[in-house]
PDB file of N, CA and C in Angstrom:
ATOM      1  N   MET A   1       0.861  -0.998   0.162  1.00  0.00           N
ATOM      2  CA  MET A   1       0.082  -0.110   0.146  1.00  0.00           C
ATOM      3  C   MET A   1       0.954   1.394   0.148  1.00  0.00           C
ATOM      4  N   THR A   2       0.404   2.440  -0.919  1.00  0.00           N
ATOM      5  CA  THR A   2       1.088   3.477  -0.691  1.00  0.00           C
ATOM      6  C   THR A   2       0.615   4.489  -0.013  1.00  0.00           C
ATOM      7  N   TYR A   3       1.137   5.326   0.817  1.00  0.00           N
ATOM      8  CA  TYR A   3       0.428   6.674   1.486  1.00  0.00           C
ATOM      9  C   TYR A   3       1.240   7.577   0.916  1.00  0.00           C
ATOM     10  N   ILE A   4       0.242   8.537   0.847  1.00  0.00           N
ATOM     11  CA  ILE A   4       0.660  10.276   0.646  1.00  0.00           C
ATOM     12  C   ILE A   4       0.306  10.796   1.878  1.00  0.00           C
ATOM     13  N   LEU A   5       1.518  11.520   2.310  1.00  0.00           N
ATOM     14  CA  LEU A   5       1.132  12.483   3.117  1.00  0.00           C
ATOM     15  C   LEU A   5       1.468  14.062   2.702  1.00  0.00           C
ATOM     16  N   LEU A   6       0.217  15.134   2.560  1.00  0.00           N
ATOM     17  CA  LEU A   6       0.338  16.160   2.280  1.00  0.00           C
ATOM     18  C   LEU A   6       0.074  17.237   3.409  1.00  0.00           C
ATOM     19  N   THR A   7       1.055  18.126   3.119  1.00  0.00           N
ATOM     20  CA  THR A   7       0.936  19.097   4.386  1.00  0.00           C
ATOM     21  C   THR A   7       0.822  20.414   3.622  1.00  0.00           C
ATOM     22  N   ILE A   8       0.033  21.543   4.056  1.00  0.00           N
ATOM     23  CA  ILE A   8      -0.349  22.965   3.652  1.00  0.00           C
ATOM     24  C   ILE A   8       0.052  23.795   4.668  1.00  0.00           C
ATOM     25  N   ASP A   9       0.474  24.626   4.371  1.00  0.00           N
ATOM     26  CA  ASP A   9       0.965  25.816   5.169  1.00  0.00           C
ATOM     27  C   ASP A   9      -0.019  27.208   4.523  1.00  0.00           C
ATOM     28  N   VAL A  10      -0.863  27.222   5.239  1.00  0.00           N
ATOM     29  CA  VAL A  10      -1.826  28.332   5.016  1.00  0.00           C
ATOM     30  C   VAL A  10      -1.812  29.706   5.895  1.00  0.00           C
ATOM     31  N   GLU A  11      -1.408  30.822   4.651  1.00  0.00           N
ATOM     32  CA  GLU A  11      -1.756  31.675   5.870  1.00  0.00           C
ATOM     33  C   GLU A  11      -2.246  32.937   4.804  1.00  0.00           C
ATOM     34  N   ASP A  12      -2.385  34.228   4.805  1.00  0.00           N
ATOM     35  CA  ASP A  12      -2.897  34.802   4.034  1.00  0.00           C
ATOM     36  C   ASP A  12      -1.822  35.813   3.067  1.00  0.00           C
ATOM     37  N   TRP A  13      -2.198  36.393   2.242  1.00  0.00           N
ATOM     38  CA  TRP A  13      -1.031  36.557   1.150  1.00  0.00           C
ATOM     39  C   TRP A  13       0.021  37.761   1.825  1.00  0.00           C
ATOM     40  N   PHE A  14      -0.482  38.581   2.949  1.00  0.00           N
ATOM     41  CA  PHE A  14       0.137  39.654   3.555  1.00  0.00           C
ATOM     42  C   PHE A  14       0.750  39.291   4.601  1.00  0.00           C
ATOM     43  N   GLN A  15       0.496  37.972   5.082  1.00  0.00           N
ATOM     44  CA  GLN A  15       1.356  37.878   6.128  1.00  0.00           C
ATOM     45  C   GLN A  15       2.970  36.933   6.015  1.00  0.00           C
ATOM     46  N   VAL A  16       3.331  36.934   4.948  1.00  0.00           N
ATOM     47  CA  VAL A  16       4.404  36.545   4.241  1.00  0.00           C
ATOM     48  C   VAL A  16       5.892  37.568   4.923  1.00  0.00           C
ATOM     49  N   GLU A  17       6.524  36.684   5.347  1.00  0.00           N
ATOM     50  CA  GLU A  17       7.828  37.443   6.147  1.00  0.00           C
ATOM     51  C   GLU A  17       8.446  38.390   5.247  1.00  0.00           C
ATOM     52  N   ASN A  18       8.355  38.022   3.811  1.00  0.00           N
ATOM     53  CA  ASN A  18       9.650  38.728   2.817  1.00  0.00           C
ATOM     54  C   ASN A  18       8.486  39.857   2.436  1.00  0.00           C
ATOM     55  N   PHE A  19       7.160  40.065   2.971  1.00  0.00           N
ATOM     56  CA  PHE A  19       6.421  41.357   2.761  1.00  0.00           C
ATOM     57  C   PHE A  19       6.631  42.243   3.766  1.00  0.00           C
ATOM     58  N   LYS A  20       7.334  41.734   4.801  1.00  0.00           N
ATOM     59  CA  LYS A  20       7.427  42.370   6.406  1.00  0.00           C
ATOM     60  C   LYS A  20       7.662  44.273   6.227  1.00  0.00           C
ATOM     61  N   GLN A  21       8.554  44.284   5.343  1.00  0.00           N
ATOM     62  CA  GLN A  21       8.906  45.520   5.058  1.00  0.00           C
ATOM     63  C   GLN A  21       8.016  46.592   4.017  1.00  0.00           C
ATOM     64  N   TYR A  22       7.123  45.822   3.457  1.00  0.00           N
ATOM     65  CA  TYR A  22       6.330  46.662   2.702  1.00  0.00           C
ATOM     66  C   TYR A  22       4.798  46.540   3.103  1.00  0.00           C
ATOM     67  N   ILE A  23       4.215  45.962   3.661  1.00  0.00           N
ATOM     68  CA  ILE A  23       2.972  45.686   4.601  1.00  0.00           C
ATOM     69  C   ILE A  23       3.166  45.421   6.095  1.00  0.00           C
ATOM     70  N   PRO A  24       3.103  46.524   6.904  1.00  0.00           N
ATOM     71  CA  PRO A  24       3.411  46.228   8.488  1.00  0.00           C
ATOM     72  C   PRO A  24       1.771  45.765   9.081  1.00  0.00           C
ATOM     73  N   PHE A  25       2.383  45.159  10.093  1.00  0.00           N
ATOM     74  CA  PHE A  25       1.096  44.569  10.912  1.00  0.00           C
ATOM     75  C   PHE A  25       0.205  45.404  11.033  1.00  0.00           C
ATOM     76  N   SER A  26       0.311  46.620  11.077  1.00  0.00           N
ATOM     77  CA  SER A  26      -0.688  47.473  11.784  1.00  0.00           C
ATOM     78  C   SER A  26      -1.751  47.718  10.534  1.00  0.00           C
ATOM     79  N   SER A  27      -1.501  47.252   9.543  1.00  0.00           N
ATOM     80  CA  SER A  27      -2.161  47.207   8.346  1.00  0.00           C
ATOM     81  C   SER A  27      -3.172  46.012   8.022  1.00  0.00           C
ATOM     82  N   TRP A  28      -2.681  44.773   8.763  1.00  0.00           N
ATOM     83  CA  TRP A  28      -3.326  43.790   8.603  1.00  0.00           C
ATOM     84  C   TRP A  28      -4.645  43.960   8.346  1.00  0.00           C
ATOM     85  N   PRO A  29      -5.348  44.532   9.230  1.00  0.00           N
ATOM     86  CA  PRO A  29      -6.929  44.580   9.620  1.00  0.00           C
ATOM     87  C   PRO A  29      -7.663  45.424   8.315  1.00  0.00           C
ATOM     88  N   SER A  30      -7.019  46.236   7.652  1.00  0.00           N
ATOM     89  CA  SER A  30      -7.631  46.697   6.322  1.00  0.00           C
ATOM     90  C   SER A  30      -7.399  45.681   5.284  1.00  0.00           C
ATOM     91  N   ARG A  31      -6.732  44.616   5.208  1.00  0.00           N
ATOM     92  CA  ARG A  31      -6.265  43.786   4.153  1.00  0.00           C
ATOM     93  C   ARG A  31      -7.606  42.970   3.454  1.00  0.00           C
ATOM     94  N   GLU A  32      -7.711  42.613   2.479  1.00  0.00           N
ATOM     95  CA  GLU A  32      -8.388  41.880   2.147  1.00  0.00           C
ATOM     96  C   GLU A  32      -7.808  40.260   2.458  1.00  0.00           C
ATOM     97  N   LEU A  33      -8.812  39.276   3.021  1.00  0.00           N
ATOM     98  CA  LEU A  33      -8.843  38.261   3.410  1.00  0.00           C
ATOM     99  C   LEU A  33      -8.799  37.137   2.373  1.00  0.00           C
ATOM    100  N   ARG A  34      -8.168  36.094   2.087  1.00  0.00           N
ATOM    101  CA  ARG A  34      -8.214  35.260   0.946  1.00  0.00           C
ATOM    102  C   ARG A  34      -8.054  33.808   1.478  1.00  0.00           C
ATOM    103  N   VAL A  35      -7.639  33.816   2.709  1.00  0.00           N
ATOM    104  CA  VAL A  35      -6.837  32.296   3.279  1.00  0.00           C
ATOM    105  C   VAL A  35      -8.086  31.364   3.181  1.00  0.00           C
ATOM    106  N   GLU A  36      -9.271  31.951   3.784  1.00  0.00           N
ATOM    107  CA  GLU A  36     -10.273  30.683   4.099  1.00  0.00           C
ATOM    108  C   GLU A  36     -10.720  30.618   2.723  1.00  0.00           C
ATOM    109  N   LYS A  37     -11.044  31.565   1.838  1.00  0.00           N
ATOM    110  CA  LYS A  37     -11.498  30.807   0.329  1.00  0.00           C
ATOM    111  C   LYS A  37     -10.756  29.928  -0.320  1.00  0.00           C
ATOM    112  N   ASN A  38      -9.914  30.202  -0.284  1.00  0.00           N
ATOM    113  CA  ASN A  38      -8.368  29.585  -1.078  1.00  0.00           C
ATOM    114  C   ASN A  38      -8.334  28.356  -0.252  1.00  0.00           C
ATOM    115  N   THR A  39      -8.432  28.104   1.139  1.00  0.00           N
ATOM    116  CA  THR A  39      -8.391  27.001   1.909  1.00  0.00           C
ATOM    117  C   THR A  39      -9.386  25.902   1.204  1.00  0.00           C
ATOM    118  N   HIS A  40     -10.713  26.533   1.179  1.00  0.00           N
ATOM    119  CA  HIS A  40     -12.205  25.753   0.746  1.00  0.00           C
ATOM    120  C   HIS A  40     -11.583  25.159  -0.785  1.00  0.00           C
ATOM    121  N   LYS A  41     -11.219  26.142  -1.417  1.00  0.00           N
ATOM    122  CA  LYS A  41     -10.693  25.268  -2.527  1.00  0.00           C
ATOM    123  C   LYS A  41      -9.921  24.401  -2.640  1.00  0.00           C
ATOM    124  N   ILE A  42      -8.680  24.265  -1.976  1.00  0.00           N
ATOM    125  CA  ILE A  42      -7.676  23.557  -1.565  1.00  0.00           C
ATOM    126  C   ILE A  42      -8.350  22.120  -1.569  1.00  0.00           C
ATOM    127  N   LEU A  43      -9.288  22.253  -0.181  1.00  0.00           N
ATOM    128  CA  LEU A  43      -9.799  21.023   0.178  1.00  0.00           C
ATOM    129  C   LEU A  43     -11.012  20.519  -0.666  1.00  0.00           C
ATOM    130  N   ASP A  44     -11.753  21.364  -1.629  1.00  0.00           N
ATOM    131  CA  ASP A  44     -12.523  20.688  -2.559  1.00  0.00           C
ATOM    132  C   ASP A  44     -11.691  19.683  -3.562  1.00  0.00           C
ATOM    133  N   LEU A  45     -10.655  20.566  -3.772  1.00  0.00           N
ATOM    134  CA  LEU A  45      -9.773  19.956  -4.909  1.00  0.00           C
ATOM    135  C   LEU A  45      -9.370  18.653  -4.349  1.00  0.00           C
ATOM    136  N   LEU A  46      -8.946  18.432  -3.406  1.00  0.00           N
ATOM    137  CA  LEU A  46      -8.378  17.255  -2.406  1.00  0.00           C
ATOM    138  C   LEU A  46      -9.779  16.431  -2.528  1.00  0.00           C
ATOM    139  N   ASP A  47     -10.867  16.825  -1.917  1.00  0.00           N
ATOM    140  CA  ASP A  47     -11.924  15.864  -2.001  1.00  0.00           C
ATOM    141  C   ASP A  47     -12.475  15.255  -3.041  1.00  0.00           C
ATOM    142  N   SER A  48     -12.206  15.806  -4.649  1.00  0.00           N
ATOM    143  CA  SER A  48     -12.412  15.625  -5.834  1.00  0.00           C
ATOM    144  C   SER A  48     -11.854  14.237  -6.294  1.00  0.00           C
ATOM    145  N   ILE A  49     -10.610  14.100  -5.558  1.00  0.00           N
ATOM    146  CA  ILE A  49      -9.565  12.722  -5.831  1.00  0.00           C
ATOM    147  C   ILE A  49     -10.097  11.919  -4.905  1.00  0.00           C
ATOM    148  N   GLU A  50     -10.129  10.615  -5.723  1.00  0.00           N
ATOM    149  CA  GLU A  50     -10.583   9.448  -5.110  1.00  0.00           C
ATOM    150  C   GLU A  50      -9.190   8.902  -4.189  1.00  0.00           C
ATOM    151  N   LEU A  51      -9.209   8.905  -3.223  1.00  0.00           N
ATOM    152  CA  LEU A  51      -8.210   8.134  -2.771  1.00  0.00           C
ATOM    153  C   LEU A  51      -8.604   7.313  -1.690  1.00  0.00           C
ATOM    154  N   ALA A  52      -8.096   6.335  -1.161  1.00  0.00           N
ATOM    155  CA  ALA A  52      -8.660   5.153  -0.394  1.00  0.00           C
ATOM    156  C   ALA A  52      -9.049   5.346   1.040  1.00  0.00           C
ATOM    157  N   HIS A  53      -8.065   6.851   1.262  1.00  0.00           N
ATOM    158  CA  HIS A  53      -8.595   7.617   2.629  1.00  0.00           C
ATOM    159  C   HIS A  53      -9.184   9.021   2.610  1.00  0.00           C
ATOM    160  N   SER A  54     -10.235   8.995   1.564  1.00  0.00           N
ATOM    161  CA  SER A  54     -10.721   9.949   1.425  1.00  0.00           C
ATOM    162  C   SER A  54     -11.605  11.136   2.623  1.00  0.00           C
ATOM    163  N   SER A  55     -12.358   9.751   3.267  1.00  0.00           N
ATOM    164  CA  SER A  55     -12.838  10.307   4.357  1.00  0.00           C
ATOM    165  C   SER A  55     -12.117  11.644   5.406  1.00  0.00           C
ATOM    166  N   GLN A  56     -10.777  11.231   5.440  1.00  0.00           N
ATOM    167  CA  GLN A  56     -10.034  11.896   6.168  1.00  0.00           C
ATOM    168  C   GLN A  56     -10.148  13.340   6.159  1.00  0.00           C
ATOM    169  N   LEU A  57      -9.941  13.625   4.458  1.00  0.00           N
ATOM    170  CA  LEU A  57     -10.275  14.916   3.573  1.00  0.00           C
ATOM    171  C   LEU A  57     -11.135  15.487   4.068  1.00  0.00           C
ATOM    172  N   THR A  58     -12.364  14.694   4.056  1.00  0.00           N
ATOM    173  CA  THR A  58     -13.720  15.322   4.221  1.00  0.00           C
ATOM    174  C   THR A  58     -14.123  15.769   5.302  1.00  0.00           C
ATOM    175  N   MET A  59     -13.269  14.889   6.243  1.00  0.00           N
ATOM    176  CA  MET A  59     -13.590  15.508   7.893  1.00  0.00           C
ATOM    177  C   MET A  59     -12.787  16.999   7.909  1.00  0.00           C
ATOM    178  N   SER A  60     -11.322  16.898   7.397  1.00  0.00           N
ATOM    179  CA  SER A  60     -10.772  18.242   7.568  1.00  0.00           C
ATOM    180  C   SER A  60     -11.621  19.490   7.045  1.00  0.00           C
ATOM    181  N   HIS A  61     -12.120  19.054   5.901  1.00  0.00           N
ATOM    182  CA  HIS A  61     -13.007  20.166   5.383  1.00  0.00           C
ATOM    183  C   HIS A  61     -14.398  20.228   6.022  1.00  0.00           C
ATOM    184  N   GLN A  62     -15.077  19.472   6.895  1.00  0.00           N
ATOM    185  CA  GLN A  62     -16.002  19.579   7.625  1.00  0.00           C
ATOM    186  C   GLN A  62     -15.615  20.439   8.869  1.00  0.00           C
ATOM    187  N   LEU A  63     -14.576  20.050   9.263  1.00  0.00           N
ATOM    188  CA  LEU A  63     -13.647  20.741  10.479  1.00  0.00           C
ATOM    189  C   LEU A  63     -13.676  22.171  10.027  1.00  0.00           C
ATOM    190  N   SER A  64     -13.320  22.355   8.920  1.00  0.00           N
ATOM    191  CA  SER A  64     -12.588  23.822   8.524  1.00  0.00           C
ATOM    192  C   SER A  64     -13.873  24.811   8.296  1.00  0.00           C
ATOM    193  N   ALA A  65     -15.009  23.992   7.780  1.00  0.00           N
ATOM    194  CA  ALA A  65     -16.423  24.886   7.516  1.00  0.00           C
ATOM    195  C   ALA A  65     -16.841  24.881   8.985  1.00  0.00           C
ATOM    196  N   MET A  66     -16.585  24.437  10.011  1.00  0.00           N
ATOM    197  CA  MET A  66     -17.220  24.983  11.238  1.00  0.00           C
ATOM    198  C   MET A  66     -16.821  25.972  11.837  1.00  0.00           C
ATOM    199  N   SER A  67     -15.506  26.206  11.453  1.00  0.00           N
ATOM    200  CA  SER A  67     -14.963  27.474  12.168  1.00  0.00           C
ATOM    201  C   SER A  67     -15.321  28.711  11.721  1.00  0.00           C
TER     202      SER A  67
END
């Protein structure tokens, strides 16, 4: 049996360390939030793939939808 381990680090586009000098922390509340929508897109894509343990992906998606 083959196992696939996939980890995805999610953060909003303006929270990247390399943008620190251009996007100060104090401006974060006024920035467009994209992380939740894009996380759902990733989870939907993974849900669409038939995997032996796809219930794990579905559960992750359900948990993120609850928060």
